[in-house]
Amino acid sequence: MREPASPIKIEVADLEQLLLLTSSMRSTIIHLDEEKKLAYCFLIPIASLTPIIYYCKLDKVPVEKFAYINRVTGEIRFGDKPSTEPNDISILMVRVKSGEML
């Protein structure tokens, strides 16, 4: 069995772009490192063992637990519970320590 390759790291412009990208993935979780002021998400492509880490630097770490993106208007909001609105995608934001990964 082949060893997984080192992750590919791609920096996106800001948290809005990372939220939009995450909203289109199978797993809608963003990891927040409060110490390093970083937000990131993982993508593991089906046809590859190489994980991709999309990340951005933050001026301010969001205090809320969820971000919501409205699929119709594109509006982004934040809150502490999953959205019950039918057009919203709820993105969980978990606090982590990324260590030497980024």
N, C-alpha and C. Protein backbone atom coordinates (compact mmCIF):
# COMPACT_ATOMS: atom_id res chain seq x y z
N MET A 1 0.83 -1.18 0.00
CA MET A 1 0.00 0.00 0.00
C MET A 1 0.88 1.25 0.00
N ARG A 2 0.51 2.22 -0.77
CA ARG A 2 1.28 3.44 -0.93
C ARG A 2 1.03 4.39 0.24
N GLU A 3 2.09 5.06 0.69
CA GLU A 3 1.97 6.07 1.75
C GLU A 3 1.28 7.32 1.22
N PRO A 4 0.40 7.95 2.01
CA PRO A 4 -0.21 9.20 1.56
C PRO A 4 0.85 10.28 1.37
N ALA A 5 0.68 11.08 0.37
CA ALA A 5 1.61 12.17 0.09
C ALA A 5 1.41 13.31 1.07
N SER A 6 2.37 14.20 1.14
CA SER A 6 2.23 15.39 1.98
C SER A 6 1.07 16.22 1.46
N PRO A 7 0.35 16.87 2.37
CA PRO A 7 -0.81 17.65 1.93
C PRO A 7 -0.41 18.82 1.03
N ILE A 8 -1.30 19.14 0.13
CA ILE A 8 -1.16 20.34 -0.70
C ILE A 8 -1.83 21.46 0.07
N LYS A 9 -1.15 22.57 0.27
CA LYS A 9 -1.68 23.69 1.04
C LYS A 9 -1.98 24.85 0.10
N ILE A 10 -3.24 25.32 0.13
CA ILE A 10 -3.65 26.41 -0.75
C ILE A 10 -4.26 27.52 0.11
N GLU A 11 -3.66 28.70 0.03
CA GLU A 11 -4.17 29.85 0.78
C GLU A 11 -5.24 30.55 -0.06
N VAL A 12 -6.40 30.80 0.55
CA VAL A 12 -7.46 31.57 -0.11
C VAL A 12 -7.44 32.99 0.46
N ALA A 13 -8.12 33.89 -0.21
CA ALA A 13 -8.02 35.32 0.11
C ALA A 13 -8.50 35.67 1.52
N ASP A 14 -9.64 35.10 1.94
CA ASP A 14 -10.20 35.49 3.24
C ASP A 14 -11.22 34.45 3.70
N LEU A 15 -11.80 34.69 4.87
CA LEU A 15 -12.75 33.75 5.44
C LEU A 15 -13.98 33.58 4.56
N GLU A 16 -14.43 34.64 3.90
CA GLU A 16 -15.59 34.52 3.01
C GLU A 16 -15.33 33.50 1.91
N GLN A 17 -14.16 33.55 1.30
CA GLN A 17 -13.82 32.60 0.23
C GLN A 17 -13.71 31.18 0.78
N LEU A 18 -13.17 31.04 1.99
CA LEU A 18 -13.07 29.72 2.60
C LEU A 18 -14.45 29.16 2.91
N LEU A 19 -15.35 30.00 3.38
CA LEU A 19 -16.73 29.57 3.66
C LEU A 19 -17.43 29.13 2.37
N LEU A 20 -17.27 29.90 1.31
CA LEU A 20 -17.88 29.53 0.03
C LEU A 20 -17.34 28.20 -0.49
N LEU A 21 -16.05 28.02 -0.36
CA LEU A 21 -15.43 26.77 -0.79
C LEU A 21 -15.93 25.60 0.05
N THR A 22 -15.96 25.77 1.36
CA THR A 22 -16.40 24.71 2.27
C THR A 22 -17.86 24.35 2.04
N SER A 23 -18.68 25.34 1.68
CA SER A 23 -20.11 25.06 1.48
C SER A 23 -20.35 24.11 0.31
N SER A 24 -19.38 23.96 -0.57
CA SER A 24 -19.55 23.07 -1.72
C SER A 24 -18.94 21.69 -1.50
N MET A 25 -18.37 21.45 -0.32
CA MET A 25 -17.72 20.17 -0.04
C MET A 25 -18.66 19.19 0.65
N ARG A 26 -18.25 17.93 0.66
CA ARG A 26 -19.03 16.89 1.36
C ARG A 26 -19.04 17.13 2.86
N SER A 27 -17.93 17.54 3.43
CA SER A 27 -17.82 17.80 4.86
C SER A 27 -17.75 19.31 5.07
N THR A 28 -18.78 19.86 5.71
CA THR A 28 -18.84 21.32 5.88
C THR A 28 -18.37 21.71 7.29
N ILE A 29 -17.07 21.54 7.52
CA ILE A 29 -16.46 21.90 8.80
C ILE A 29 -15.25 22.78 8.52
N ILE A 30 -15.16 23.88 9.28
CA ILE A 30 -13.97 24.74 9.23
C ILE A 30 -13.28 24.64 10.58
N HIS A 31 -11.98 24.48 10.55
CA HIS A 31 -11.18 24.40 11.76
C HIS A 31 -10.59 25.78 12.03
N LEU A 32 -10.71 26.25 13.27
CA LEU A 32 -10.19 27.57 13.65
C LEU A 32 -9.07 27.40 14.67
N ASP A 33 -7.90 27.93 14.36
CA ASP A 33 -6.79 27.93 15.31
C ASP A 33 -6.69 29.36 15.86
N GLU A 34 -7.13 29.53 17.11
CA GLU A 34 -7.18 30.87 17.70
C GLU A 34 -5.79 31.43 17.96
N GLU A 35 -4.83 30.57 18.32
CA GLU A 35 -3.46 31.04 18.58
C GLU A 35 -2.81 31.60 17.33
N LYS A 36 -2.92 30.87 16.23
CA LYS A 36 -2.27 31.28 14.98
C LYS A 36 -3.15 32.18 14.12
N LYS A 37 -4.41 32.36 14.54
CA LYS A 37 -5.38 33.15 13.77
C LYS A 37 -5.48 32.62 12.33
N LEU A 38 -5.78 31.31 12.25
CA LEU A 38 -5.94 30.63 10.96
C LEU A 38 -7.27 29.90 10.93
N ALA A 39 -7.82 29.81 9.75
CA ALA A 39 -9.01 28.98 9.50
C ALA A 39 -8.64 28.07 8.34
N TYR A 40 -9.08 26.80 8.42
CA TYR A 40 -8.77 25.89 7.32
C TYR A 40 -9.80 24.77 7.23
N CYS A 41 -9.82 24.13 6.08
CA CYS A 41 -10.67 22.96 5.84
C CYS A 41 -9.88 21.97 5.00
N PHE A 42 -10.32 20.72 5.03
CA PHE A 42 -9.65 19.64 4.32
C PHE A 42 -10.51 19.16 3.16
N LEU A 43 -9.83 18.76 2.11
CA LEU A 43 -10.48 18.06 1.00
C LEU A 43 -9.60 16.86 0.68
N ILE A 44 -10.20 15.67 0.68
CA ILE A 44 -9.46 14.48 0.27
C ILE A 44 -10.13 13.99 -1.01
N PRO A 45 -9.51 14.28 -2.14
CA PRO A 45 -10.10 13.89 -3.43
C PRO A 45 -10.30 12.38 -3.52
N ILE A 46 -11.33 11.98 -4.20
CA ILE A 46 -11.67 10.56 -4.35
C ILE A 46 -10.57 9.81 -5.10
N ALA A 47 -10.00 10.42 -6.10
CA ALA A 47 -9.03 9.73 -6.97
C ALA A 47 -7.58 9.89 -6.49
N SER A 48 -7.36 10.39 -5.28
CA SER A 48 -6.01 10.64 -4.82
C SER A 48 -5.91 10.42 -3.32
N LEU A 49 -4.73 10.07 -2.86
CA LEU A 49 -4.49 9.98 -1.42
C LEU A 49 -3.89 11.27 -0.87
N THR A 50 -3.73 12.26 -1.71
CA THR A 50 -3.12 13.52 -1.30
C THR A 50 -4.18 14.48 -0.78
N PRO A 51 -4.17 14.75 0.54
CA PRO A 51 -5.15 15.72 1.06
C PRO A 51 -4.80 17.14 0.64
N ILE A 52 -5.82 17.95 0.51
CA ILE A 52 -5.65 19.37 0.19
C ILE A 52 -6.16 20.16 1.39
N ILE A 53 -5.35 21.09 1.86
CA ILE A 53 -5.75 21.97 2.96
C ILE A 53 -5.92 23.37 2.39
N TYR A 54 -7.16 23.86 2.45
CA TYR A 54 -7.44 25.25 2.08
C TYR A 54 -7.44 26.04 3.37
N TYR A 55 -6.75 27.19 3.38
CA TYR A 55 -6.67 27.97 4.62
C TYR A 55 -6.65 29.46 4.33
N CYS A 56 -6.90 30.23 5.39
CA CYS A 56 -6.77 31.69 5.30
C CYS A 56 -6.33 32.22 6.65
N LYS A 57 -5.70 33.37 6.62
CA LYS A 57 -5.31 34.06 7.84
C LYS A 57 -6.49 34.93 8.28
N LEU A 58 -6.66 35.05 9.59
CA LEU A 58 -7.78 35.81 10.14
C LEU A 58 -7.29 37.05 10.87
N ASP A 59 -7.99 38.17 10.67
CA ASP A 59 -7.73 39.35 11.50
C ASP A 59 -8.36 39.14 12.88
N LYS A 60 -9.55 38.53 12.85
CA LYS A 60 -10.31 38.28 14.07
C LYS A 60 -10.96 36.90 13.94
N VAL A 61 -10.79 36.08 14.97
CA VAL A 61 -11.38 34.73 14.95
C VAL A 61 -12.85 34.84 15.33
N PRO A 62 -13.75 34.29 14.53
CA PRO A 62 -15.18 34.35 14.86
C PRO A 62 -15.45 33.66 16.20
N VAL A 63 -16.35 34.24 16.99
CA VAL A 63 -16.69 33.65 18.29
C VAL A 63 -17.84 32.67 18.17
N GLU A 64 -18.61 32.76 17.10
CA GLU A 64 -19.77 31.89 16.91
C GLU A 64 -19.33 30.48 16.53
N LYS A 65 -20.26 29.52 16.67
CA LYS A 65 -19.99 28.12 16.37
C LYS A 65 -20.34 27.73 14.94
N PHE A 66 -21.19 28.52 14.29
CA PHE A 66 -21.64 28.20 12.94
C PHE A 66 -21.58 29.42 12.03
N ALA A 67 -21.34 29.15 10.75
CA ALA A 67 -21.52 30.16 9.71
C ALA A 67 -22.63 29.62 8.81
N TYR A 68 -23.43 30.52 8.28
CA TYR A 68 -24.53 30.13 7.39
C TYR A 68 -24.35 30.84 6.06
N ILE A 69 -24.52 30.10 4.98
CA ILE A 69 -24.49 30.68 3.65
C ILE A 69 -25.85 30.40 3.01
N ASN A 70 -26.51 31.46 2.58
CA ASN A 70 -27.78 31.30 1.90
C ASN A 70 -27.49 30.95 0.44
N ARG A 71 -28.01 29.82 -0.02
CA ARG A 71 -27.75 29.33 -1.39
C ARG A 71 -28.35 30.23 -2.47
N VAL A 72 -29.39 30.99 -2.12
CA VAL A 72 -30.06 31.84 -3.11
C VAL A 72 -29.41 33.21 -3.19
N THR A 73 -29.19 33.84 -2.03
CA THR A 73 -28.67 35.21 -2.03
C THR A 73 -27.16 35.31 -1.87
N GLY A 74 -26.53 34.23 -1.34
CA GLY A 74 -25.10 34.28 -1.09
C GLY A 74 -24.75 34.97 0.21
N GLU A 75 -25.76 35.41 0.97
CA GLU A 75 -25.52 36.10 2.23
C GLU A 75 -24.84 35.16 3.22
N ILE A 76 -23.86 35.70 3.97
CA ILE A 76 -23.16 34.94 5.00
C ILE A 76 -23.49 35.54 6.36
N ARG A 77 -23.91 34.67 7.29
CA ARG A 77 -24.23 35.09 8.66
C ARG A 77 -23.55 34.13 9.63
N PHE A 78 -23.55 34.49 10.90
CA PHE A 78 -22.94 33.66 11.94
C PHE A 78 -23.91 33.47 13.09
N GLY A 79 -23.79 32.36 13.81
CA GLY A 79 -24.64 32.09 14.96
C GLY A 79 -24.12 30.90 15.74
N ASP A 80 -24.85 30.51 16.78
CA ASP A 80 -24.39 29.44 17.66
C ASP A 80 -25.17 28.14 17.52
N LYS A 81 -26.15 28.08 16.63
CA LYS A 81 -26.92 26.86 16.40
C LYS A 81 -27.03 26.65 14.89
N PRO A 82 -27.23 25.40 14.47
CA PRO A 82 -27.45 25.17 13.03
C PRO A 82 -28.69 25.93 12.55
N SER A 83 -28.64 26.42 11.34
CA SER A 83 -29.78 27.15 10.77
C SER A 83 -30.91 26.20 10.42
N THR A 84 -32.13 26.66 10.62
CA THR A 84 -33.30 25.89 10.22
C THR A 84 -33.91 26.42 8.92
N GLU A 85 -33.29 27.44 8.34
CA GLU A 85 -33.77 28.00 7.08
C GLU A 85 -33.47 27.03 5.95
N PRO A 86 -34.43 26.74 5.08
CA PRO A 86 -34.23 25.73 4.03
C PRO A 86 -33.17 26.09 3.00
N ASN A 87 -32.91 27.37 2.80
CA ASN A 87 -31.92 27.78 1.79
C ASN A 87 -30.52 27.98 2.36
N ASP A 88 -30.36 27.75 3.67
CA ASP A 88 -29.07 27.95 4.31
C ASP A 88 -28.26 26.67 4.38
N ILE A 89 -26.95 26.81 4.22
CA ILE A 89 -26.00 25.74 4.49
C ILE A 89 -25.32 26.12 5.80
N SER A 90 -25.39 25.25 6.80
CA SER A 90 -24.72 25.50 8.08
C SER A 90 -23.32 24.90 8.04
N ILE A 91 -22.34 25.71 8.39
CA ILE A 91 -20.95 25.26 8.42
C ILE A 91 -20.46 25.33 9.86
N LEU A 92 -20.12 24.17 10.42
CA LEU A 92 -19.61 24.09 11.78
C LEU A 92 -18.19 24.64 11.83
N MET A 93 -17.90 25.46 12.84
CA MET A 93 -16.56 26.00 13.03
C MET A 93 -16.04 25.49 14.38
N VAL A 94 -15.03 24.63 14.34
CA VAL A 94 -14.49 24.03 15.55
C VAL A 94 -13.13 24.64 15.88
N ARG A 95 -12.86 24.77 17.17
CA ARG A 95 -11.60 25.32 17.64
C ARG A 95 -10.59 24.18 17.77
N VAL A 96 -9.41 24.36 17.20
CA VAL A 96 -8.36 23.34 17.20
C VAL A 96 -7.00 24.01 17.41
N LYS A 97 -6.00 23.18 17.63
CA LYS A 97 -4.61 23.62 17.59
C LYS A 97 -3.97 22.89 16.43
N SER A 98 -3.54 23.65 15.44
CA SER A 98 -3.04 23.03 14.20
C SER A 98 -1.63 22.50 14.32
N GLY A 99 -0.92 22.83 15.38
CA GLY A 99 0.45 22.34 15.54
C GLY A 99 1.33 22.81 14.40
N GLU A 100 2.10 21.90 13.86
CA GLU A 100 3.03 22.23 12.78
C GLU A 100 2.43 22.00 11.40
N MET A 101 1.14 21.67 11.35
CA MET A 101 0.50 21.37 10.07
C MET A 101 0.52 22.58 9.14
N LEU A 102 0.29 23.77 9.70
CA LEU A 102 0.29 25.00 8.89
C LEU A 102 1.29 26.00 9.45
